[in-house]
N, C-alpha and C. Protein backbone atom coordinates (compact mmCIF):
# COMPACT_ATOMS: atom_id res chain seq x y z
N UNK A 1 -17.74 75.14 115.54
CA UNK A 1 -18.03 73.96 116.31
C UNK A 1 -16.94 73.79 117.37
N UNK A 2 -17.33 73.61 118.61
CA UNK A 2 -16.38 73.45 119.70
C UNK A 2 -16.17 71.97 119.98
N UNK A 3 -14.98 71.65 120.41
CA UNK A 3 -14.66 70.28 120.79
C UNK A 3 -15.40 69.97 122.09
N UNK A 4 -15.91 68.76 122.23
CA UNK A 4 -16.63 68.40 123.45
C UNK A 4 -15.70 68.46 124.65
N UNK A 5 -16.30 68.64 125.84
CA UNK A 5 -15.50 68.72 127.06
C UNK A 5 -14.67 67.46 127.28
N UNK A 6 -15.26 66.31 126.98
CA UNK A 6 -14.53 65.05 127.15
C UNK A 6 -13.31 64.96 126.26
N UNK A 7 -13.46 65.37 125.01
CA UNK A 7 -12.34 65.33 124.08
C UNK A 7 -11.27 66.35 124.49
N UNK A 8 -11.70 67.53 124.94
CA UNK A 8 -10.75 68.54 125.39
C UNK A 8 -9.95 68.03 126.59
N UNK A 9 -10.60 67.32 127.50
CA UNK A 9 -9.92 66.74 128.66
C UNK A 9 -8.87 65.72 128.20
N UNK A 10 -9.26 64.86 127.27
CA UNK A 10 -8.33 63.84 126.76
C UNK A 10 -7.14 64.52 126.09
N UNK A 11 -7.38 65.57 125.32
CA UNK A 11 -6.30 66.29 124.65
C UNK A 11 -5.35 66.88 125.69
N UNK A 12 -5.89 67.49 126.75
CA UNK A 12 -5.04 68.07 127.79
C UNK A 12 -4.18 67.01 128.46
N UNK A 13 -4.78 65.87 128.79
CA UNK A 13 -4.03 64.79 129.44
C UNK A 13 -2.92 64.29 128.51
N UNK A 14 -3.23 64.13 127.23
CA UNK A 14 -2.21 63.67 126.28
C UNK A 14 -1.08 64.68 126.13
N UNK A 15 -1.43 65.97 126.12
CA UNK A 15 -0.40 67.01 126.01
C UNK A 15 0.52 66.97 127.23
N UNK A 16 -0.05 66.83 128.42
CA UNK A 16 0.77 66.75 129.63
C UNK A 16 1.62 65.49 129.62
N UNK A 17 1.05 64.37 129.16
CA UNK A 17 1.80 63.12 129.11
C UNK A 17 3.00 63.24 128.16
N UNK A 18 2.80 63.85 127.01
CA UNK A 18 3.91 64.05 126.06
C UNK A 18 4.94 64.99 126.68
N UNK A 19 4.48 66.04 127.35
CA UNK A 19 5.39 66.98 128.01
C UNK A 19 6.22 66.28 129.08
N UNK A 20 5.57 65.41 129.86
CA UNK A 20 6.29 64.65 130.88
C UNK A 20 7.34 63.73 130.24
N UNK A 21 6.98 63.11 129.12
CA UNK A 21 7.92 62.23 128.43
C UNK A 21 9.15 63.02 127.97
N UNK A 22 8.93 64.21 127.43
CA UNK A 22 10.06 65.05 127.00
C UNK A 22 10.94 65.38 128.20
N UNK A 23 10.32 65.70 129.34
CA UNK A 23 11.10 65.99 130.55
C UNK A 23 11.90 64.77 130.99
N UNK A 24 11.31 63.59 130.91
CA UNK A 24 12.03 62.35 131.27
C UNK A 24 13.24 62.16 130.36
N UNK A 25 13.08 62.44 129.08
CA UNK A 25 14.17 62.26 128.12
C UNK A 25 15.29 63.29 128.35
N UNK A 26 14.92 64.52 128.67
CA UNK A 26 15.91 65.61 128.72
C UNK A 26 16.55 65.84 130.08
N UNK A 27 15.88 65.48 131.16
CA UNK A 27 16.37 65.85 132.50
C UNK A 27 16.90 64.61 133.23
N UNK A 28 18.17 64.66 133.60
CA UNK A 28 18.71 63.62 134.47
C UNK A 28 18.05 63.78 135.83
N UNK A 29 17.62 62.69 136.41
CA UNK A 29 16.99 62.76 137.72
C UNK A 29 15.49 62.62 137.66
N UNK A 30 14.93 62.60 136.47
CA UNK A 30 13.51 62.26 136.31
C UNK A 30 13.50 60.93 135.59
N UNK A 31 12.99 59.93 136.29
CA UNK A 31 13.07 58.57 135.76
C UNK A 31 11.69 57.98 135.57
N UNK A 32 11.55 57.25 134.49
CA UNK A 32 10.31 56.55 134.17
C UNK A 32 10.65 55.09 133.96
N UNK A 33 10.13 54.24 134.84
CA UNK A 33 10.38 52.81 134.72
C UNK A 33 9.24 52.15 133.95
N UNK A 34 9.33 50.87 133.86
CA UNK A 34 8.31 50.11 133.16
C UNK A 34 8.96 49.06 132.30
N UNK A 35 8.33 47.90 132.26
CA UNK A 35 8.93 46.79 131.53
C UNK A 35 8.61 46.81 130.04
N UNK A 36 7.60 47.56 129.66
CA UNK A 36 7.23 47.61 128.24
C UNK A 36 6.83 49.02 127.86
N UNK A 37 6.75 49.25 126.58
CA UNK A 37 6.33 50.57 126.10
C UNK A 37 4.92 50.90 126.55
N UNK A 38 4.03 49.93 126.50
CA UNK A 38 2.65 50.20 126.91
C UNK A 38 2.57 50.51 128.40
N UNK A 39 3.41 49.86 129.22
CA UNK A 39 3.43 50.16 130.65
C UNK A 39 3.94 51.58 130.90
N UNK A 40 4.93 51.99 130.14
CA UNK A 40 5.47 53.35 130.28
C UNK A 40 4.44 54.39 129.84
N UNK A 41 3.74 54.12 128.76
CA UNK A 41 2.69 55.04 128.30
C UNK A 41 1.58 55.13 129.34
N UNK A 42 1.18 54.00 129.88
CA UNK A 42 0.16 54.00 130.93
C UNK A 42 0.60 54.79 132.14
N UNK A 43 1.86 54.63 132.54
CA UNK A 43 2.39 55.39 133.67
C UNK A 43 2.36 56.88 133.38
N UNK A 44 2.78 57.26 132.18
CA UNK A 44 2.76 58.68 131.80
C UNK A 44 1.35 59.25 131.84
N UNK A 45 0.37 58.47 131.39
CA UNK A 45 -1.02 58.95 131.41
C UNK A 45 -1.53 59.13 132.83
N UNK A 46 -1.21 58.19 133.71
CA UNK A 46 -1.66 58.31 135.10
C UNK A 46 -0.94 59.47 135.79
N UNK A 47 0.36 59.61 135.55
CA UNK A 47 1.11 60.73 136.14
C UNK A 47 0.58 62.05 135.59
N UNK A 48 0.18 62.10 134.32
CA UNK A 48 -0.41 63.31 133.75
C UNK A 48 -1.71 63.66 134.48
N UNK A 49 -2.50 62.66 134.81
CA UNK A 49 -3.73 62.90 135.58
C UNK A 49 -3.40 63.44 136.97
N UNK A 50 -2.40 62.85 137.63
CA UNK A 50 -1.97 63.34 138.94
C UNK A 50 -1.49 64.78 138.82
N UNK A 51 -0.72 65.06 137.79
CA UNK A 51 -0.20 66.41 137.54
C UNK A 51 -1.35 67.41 137.40
N UNK A 52 -2.37 67.01 136.66
CA UNK A 52 -3.54 67.88 136.48
C UNK A 52 -4.28 68.13 137.77
N UNK A 53 -4.45 67.10 138.59
CA UNK A 53 -5.14 67.26 139.87
C UNK A 53 -4.34 68.16 140.80
N UNK A 54 -3.03 67.96 140.87
CA UNK A 54 -2.18 68.79 141.73
C UNK A 54 -2.25 70.24 141.28
N UNK A 55 -2.17 70.49 139.98
CA UNK A 55 -2.24 71.86 139.48
C UNK A 55 -3.61 72.48 139.68
N UNK A 56 -4.66 71.67 139.63
CA UNK A 56 -6.02 72.21 139.80
C UNK A 56 -6.36 72.46 141.27
N UNK A 57 -5.80 71.67 142.18
CA UNK A 57 -6.18 71.77 143.58
C UNK A 57 -5.16 72.53 144.42
N UNK A 58 -3.91 72.14 144.34
CA UNK A 58 -2.89 72.69 145.23
C UNK A 58 -2.37 74.05 144.75
N UNK A 59 -2.11 74.18 143.47
CA UNK A 59 -1.50 75.41 142.96
C UNK A 59 -2.32 76.67 143.24
N UNK A 60 -3.65 76.67 143.04
CA UNK A 60 -4.40 77.89 143.36
C UNK A 60 -4.33 78.28 144.83
N UNK A 61 -4.29 77.29 145.71
CA UNK A 61 -4.18 77.57 147.15
C UNK A 61 -2.84 78.23 147.45
N UNK A 62 -1.78 77.68 146.88
CA UNK A 62 -0.44 78.23 147.10
C UNK A 62 -0.35 79.64 146.52
N UNK A 63 -0.91 79.84 145.33
CA UNK A 63 -0.87 81.18 144.72
C UNK A 63 -1.62 82.20 145.57
N UNK A 64 -2.75 81.79 146.13
CA UNK A 64 -3.54 82.70 146.96
C UNK A 64 -2.80 83.04 148.25
N UNK A 65 -2.30 82.03 148.92
CA UNK A 65 -1.60 82.25 150.18
C UNK A 65 -0.25 82.93 149.97
N UNK A 66 0.39 82.66 148.86
CA UNK A 66 1.71 83.22 148.60
C UNK A 66 1.71 84.45 147.73
N UNK A 67 0.56 85.08 147.58
CA UNK A 67 0.44 86.25 146.70
C UNK A 67 1.50 87.32 147.00
N UNK A 68 1.75 87.66 148.28
CA UNK A 68 2.79 88.67 148.54
C UNK A 68 4.16 88.26 148.00
N UNK A 69 4.49 86.98 148.09
CA UNK A 69 5.78 86.53 147.56
C UNK A 69 5.84 86.64 146.04
N UNK A 70 4.71 86.37 145.39
CA UNK A 70 4.67 86.52 143.93
C UNK A 70 4.92 87.98 143.55
N UNK A 71 4.33 88.90 144.32
CA UNK A 71 4.50 90.33 144.03
C UNK A 71 5.94 90.76 144.32
N UNK A 72 6.47 90.35 145.48
CA UNK A 72 7.82 90.77 145.87
C UNK A 72 8.90 90.23 144.92
N UNK A 73 8.69 89.04 144.41
CA UNK A 73 9.70 88.43 143.53
C UNK A 73 9.38 88.60 142.05
N UNK A 74 8.37 89.39 141.76
CA UNK A 74 7.93 89.62 140.39
C UNK A 74 7.59 88.31 139.67
N UNK A 75 7.05 87.38 140.43
CA UNK A 75 6.59 86.12 139.86
C UNK A 75 7.63 85.01 139.82
N UNK A 76 8.88 85.33 140.16
CA UNK A 76 9.93 84.31 140.09
C UNK A 76 9.72 83.18 141.09
N UNK A 77 9.01 83.45 142.19
CA UNK A 77 8.71 82.39 143.15
C UNK A 77 7.87 81.30 142.48
N UNK A 78 7.20 81.65 141.40
CA UNK A 78 6.41 80.66 140.66
C UNK A 78 7.26 79.52 140.14
N UNK A 79 8.51 79.80 139.79
CA UNK A 79 9.42 78.74 139.34
C UNK A 79 9.70 77.75 140.47
N UNK A 80 9.89 78.28 141.68
CA UNK A 80 10.12 77.43 142.85
C UNK A 80 8.87 76.62 143.16
N UNK A 81 7.71 77.29 143.12
CA UNK A 81 6.44 76.60 143.40
C UNK A 81 6.23 75.47 142.39
N UNK A 82 6.47 75.74 141.11
CA UNK A 82 6.29 74.70 140.09
C UNK A 82 7.24 73.53 140.31
N UNK A 83 8.48 73.82 140.72
CA UNK A 83 9.43 72.74 141.01
C UNK A 83 8.95 71.90 142.18
N UNK A 84 8.45 72.54 143.22
CA UNK A 84 7.95 71.80 144.38
C UNK A 84 6.70 71.00 144.03
N UNK A 85 5.84 71.55 143.19
CA UNK A 85 4.67 70.80 142.75
C UNK A 85 5.08 69.59 141.90
N UNK A 86 6.11 69.75 141.10
CA UNK A 86 6.61 68.63 140.30
C UNK A 86 7.16 67.54 141.21
N UNK A 87 7.87 67.95 142.28
CA UNK A 87 8.35 66.98 143.27
C UNK A 87 7.17 66.29 143.95
N UNK A 88 6.12 67.04 144.24
CA UNK A 88 4.92 66.46 144.85
C UNK A 88 4.30 65.41 143.94
N UNK A 89 4.25 65.69 142.66
CA UNK A 89 3.71 64.72 141.69
C UNK A 89 4.56 63.44 141.71
N UNK A 90 5.87 63.58 141.74
CA UNK A 90 6.74 62.41 141.82
C UNK A 90 6.51 61.62 143.10
N UNK A 91 6.32 62.32 144.22
CA UNK A 91 6.07 61.66 145.49
C UNK A 91 4.74 60.92 145.47
N UNK A 92 3.70 61.57 144.94
CA UNK A 92 2.38 60.92 144.85
C UNK A 92 2.44 59.70 143.93
N UNK A 93 3.19 59.82 142.85
CA UNK A 93 3.34 58.66 141.95
C UNK A 93 4.00 57.51 142.69
N UNK A 94 4.98 57.81 143.54
CA UNK A 94 5.62 56.78 144.34
C UNK A 94 4.66 56.12 145.32
N UNK A 95 3.78 56.93 145.91
CA UNK A 95 2.77 56.37 146.82
C UNK A 95 1.84 55.40 146.11
N UNK A 96 1.59 55.66 144.83
CA UNK A 96 0.71 54.79 144.04
C UNK A 96 1.49 53.67 143.35
N UNK A 97 2.75 53.49 143.73
CA UNK A 97 3.62 52.47 143.14
C UNK A 97 3.79 52.61 141.64
N UNK A 98 3.79 53.84 141.16
CA UNK A 98 4.04 54.10 139.75
C UNK A 98 5.55 54.29 139.56
N UNK A 99 6.11 53.76 138.51
CA UNK A 99 7.55 53.88 138.29
C UNK A 99 7.94 55.24 137.68
N UNK A 100 7.61 56.31 138.41
CA UNK A 100 7.96 57.67 137.99
C UNK A 100 8.62 58.32 139.19
N UNK A 101 9.84 58.84 139.00
CA UNK A 101 10.59 59.36 140.12
C UNK A 101 11.26 60.67 139.75
N UNK A 102 11.17 61.63 140.67
CA UNK A 102 11.87 62.90 140.54
C UNK A 102 12.89 62.94 141.68
N UNK A 103 14.18 63.00 141.34
CA UNK A 103 15.23 62.78 142.33
C UNK A 103 15.58 63.97 143.21
N UNK A 104 15.23 65.17 142.85
CA UNK A 104 15.59 66.30 143.69
C UNK A 104 14.99 67.59 143.18
N UNK A 105 15.29 68.67 143.92
CA UNK A 105 14.71 69.97 143.58
C UNK A 105 15.07 70.40 142.17
N UNK A 106 16.34 70.29 141.81
CA UNK A 106 16.75 70.79 140.49
C UNK A 106 16.18 69.96 139.36
N UNK A 107 16.03 68.68 139.58
CA UNK A 107 15.35 67.85 138.58
C UNK A 107 13.91 68.30 138.43
N UNK A 108 13.26 68.57 139.57
CA UNK A 108 11.89 69.07 139.53
C UNK A 108 11.79 70.45 138.89
N UNK A 109 12.78 71.29 139.17
CA UNK A 109 12.81 72.65 138.61
C UNK A 109 12.88 72.59 137.08
N UNK A 110 13.86 71.85 136.56
CA UNK A 110 14.01 71.77 135.10
C UNK A 110 12.88 70.99 134.46
N UNK A 111 12.40 69.97 135.15
CA UNK A 111 11.26 69.21 134.64
C UNK A 111 10.02 70.08 134.51
N UNK A 112 9.77 70.91 135.52
CA UNK A 112 8.60 71.79 135.49
C UNK A 112 8.71 72.80 134.35
N UNK A 113 9.91 73.33 134.14
CA UNK A 113 10.10 74.29 133.05
C UNK A 113 9.88 73.61 131.70
N UNK A 114 10.42 72.42 131.53
CA UNK A 114 10.25 71.71 130.25
C UNK A 114 8.79 71.35 130.01
N UNK A 115 8.11 70.87 131.05
CA UNK A 115 6.69 70.53 130.90
C UNK A 115 5.89 71.78 130.52
N UNK A 116 6.20 72.91 131.13
CA UNK A 116 5.48 74.15 130.81
C UNK A 116 5.73 74.58 129.36
N UNK A 117 6.98 74.55 128.93
CA UNK A 117 7.31 74.99 127.57
C UNK A 117 6.72 74.05 126.53
N UNK A 118 6.92 72.75 126.71
CA UNK A 118 6.40 71.78 125.74
C UNK A 118 4.88 71.83 125.71
N UNK A 119 4.26 71.94 126.89
CA UNK A 119 2.80 72.04 126.95
C UNK A 119 2.28 73.27 126.23
N UNK A 120 2.98 74.40 126.41
CA UNK A 120 2.59 75.64 125.74
C UNK A 120 2.67 75.47 124.22
N UNK A 121 3.77 74.92 123.74
CA UNK A 121 3.95 74.74 122.30
C UNK A 121 2.90 73.78 121.74
N UNK A 122 2.66 72.68 122.44
CA UNK A 122 1.66 71.71 121.96
C UNK A 122 0.25 72.30 121.96
N UNK A 123 -0.05 73.14 122.95
CA UNK A 123 -1.37 73.77 122.97
C UNK A 123 -1.52 74.80 121.85
N UNK A 124 -0.42 75.37 121.38
CA UNK A 124 -0.49 76.25 120.21
C UNK A 124 -0.81 75.45 118.95
N UNK A 125 -0.24 74.25 118.88
CA UNK A 125 -0.44 73.40 117.71
C UNK A 125 -1.79 72.70 117.76
N UNK A 126 -2.17 72.23 118.95
CA UNK A 126 -3.41 71.47 119.14
C UNK A 126 -4.31 72.26 120.09
N UNK A 127 -5.15 73.14 119.57
CA UNK A 127 -6.00 73.96 120.46
C UNK A 127 -7.08 73.13 121.13
N UNK A 128 -7.54 73.62 122.30
CA UNK A 128 -8.63 72.96 123.02
C UNK A 128 -9.96 73.11 122.29
N UNK A 129 -10.12 74.24 121.63
CA UNK A 129 -11.39 74.51 120.94
C UNK A 129 -11.12 74.73 119.46
N UNK A 130 -12.01 74.23 118.65
CA UNK A 130 -11.91 74.41 117.21
C UNK A 130 -13.11 75.22 116.75
N UNK A 131 -12.86 76.39 116.19
CA UNK A 131 -13.95 77.22 115.69
C UNK A 131 -14.32 76.78 114.29
N UNK A 132 -15.61 76.83 114.00
CA UNK A 132 -16.09 76.40 112.70
C UNK A 132 -16.15 77.52 111.68
N UNK A 133 -15.30 78.53 111.79
CA UNK A 133 -15.30 79.64 110.85
C UNK A 133 -14.61 79.30 109.58
């Protein structure tokens, strides 16, 4: 039995939100404001949605246009791209008056790495699909 698409989407958003929270806790320069716990959770969920949209729309375009750089750097340019996308998410959150801020490139760099690692580990624990075997 497979998990419905709606539930899989919710799981992905929650995984990204938890990953973002871990990045906020571990990285100086990534700040999450909010007057209450529920406001902070709501902000994380909205920022997770923004993160998903940026990764779904912008990242494939950059990968396609920057393919030669990915080849020349053996994929290491991907770390820079992810840091810049993380900065973009912080900027978009600011445009929407969300209390989520990424203060600079290195904060974005480490934040992107932490979000990727935590997301990977959580997806190992909580799979998108459940087989009925």
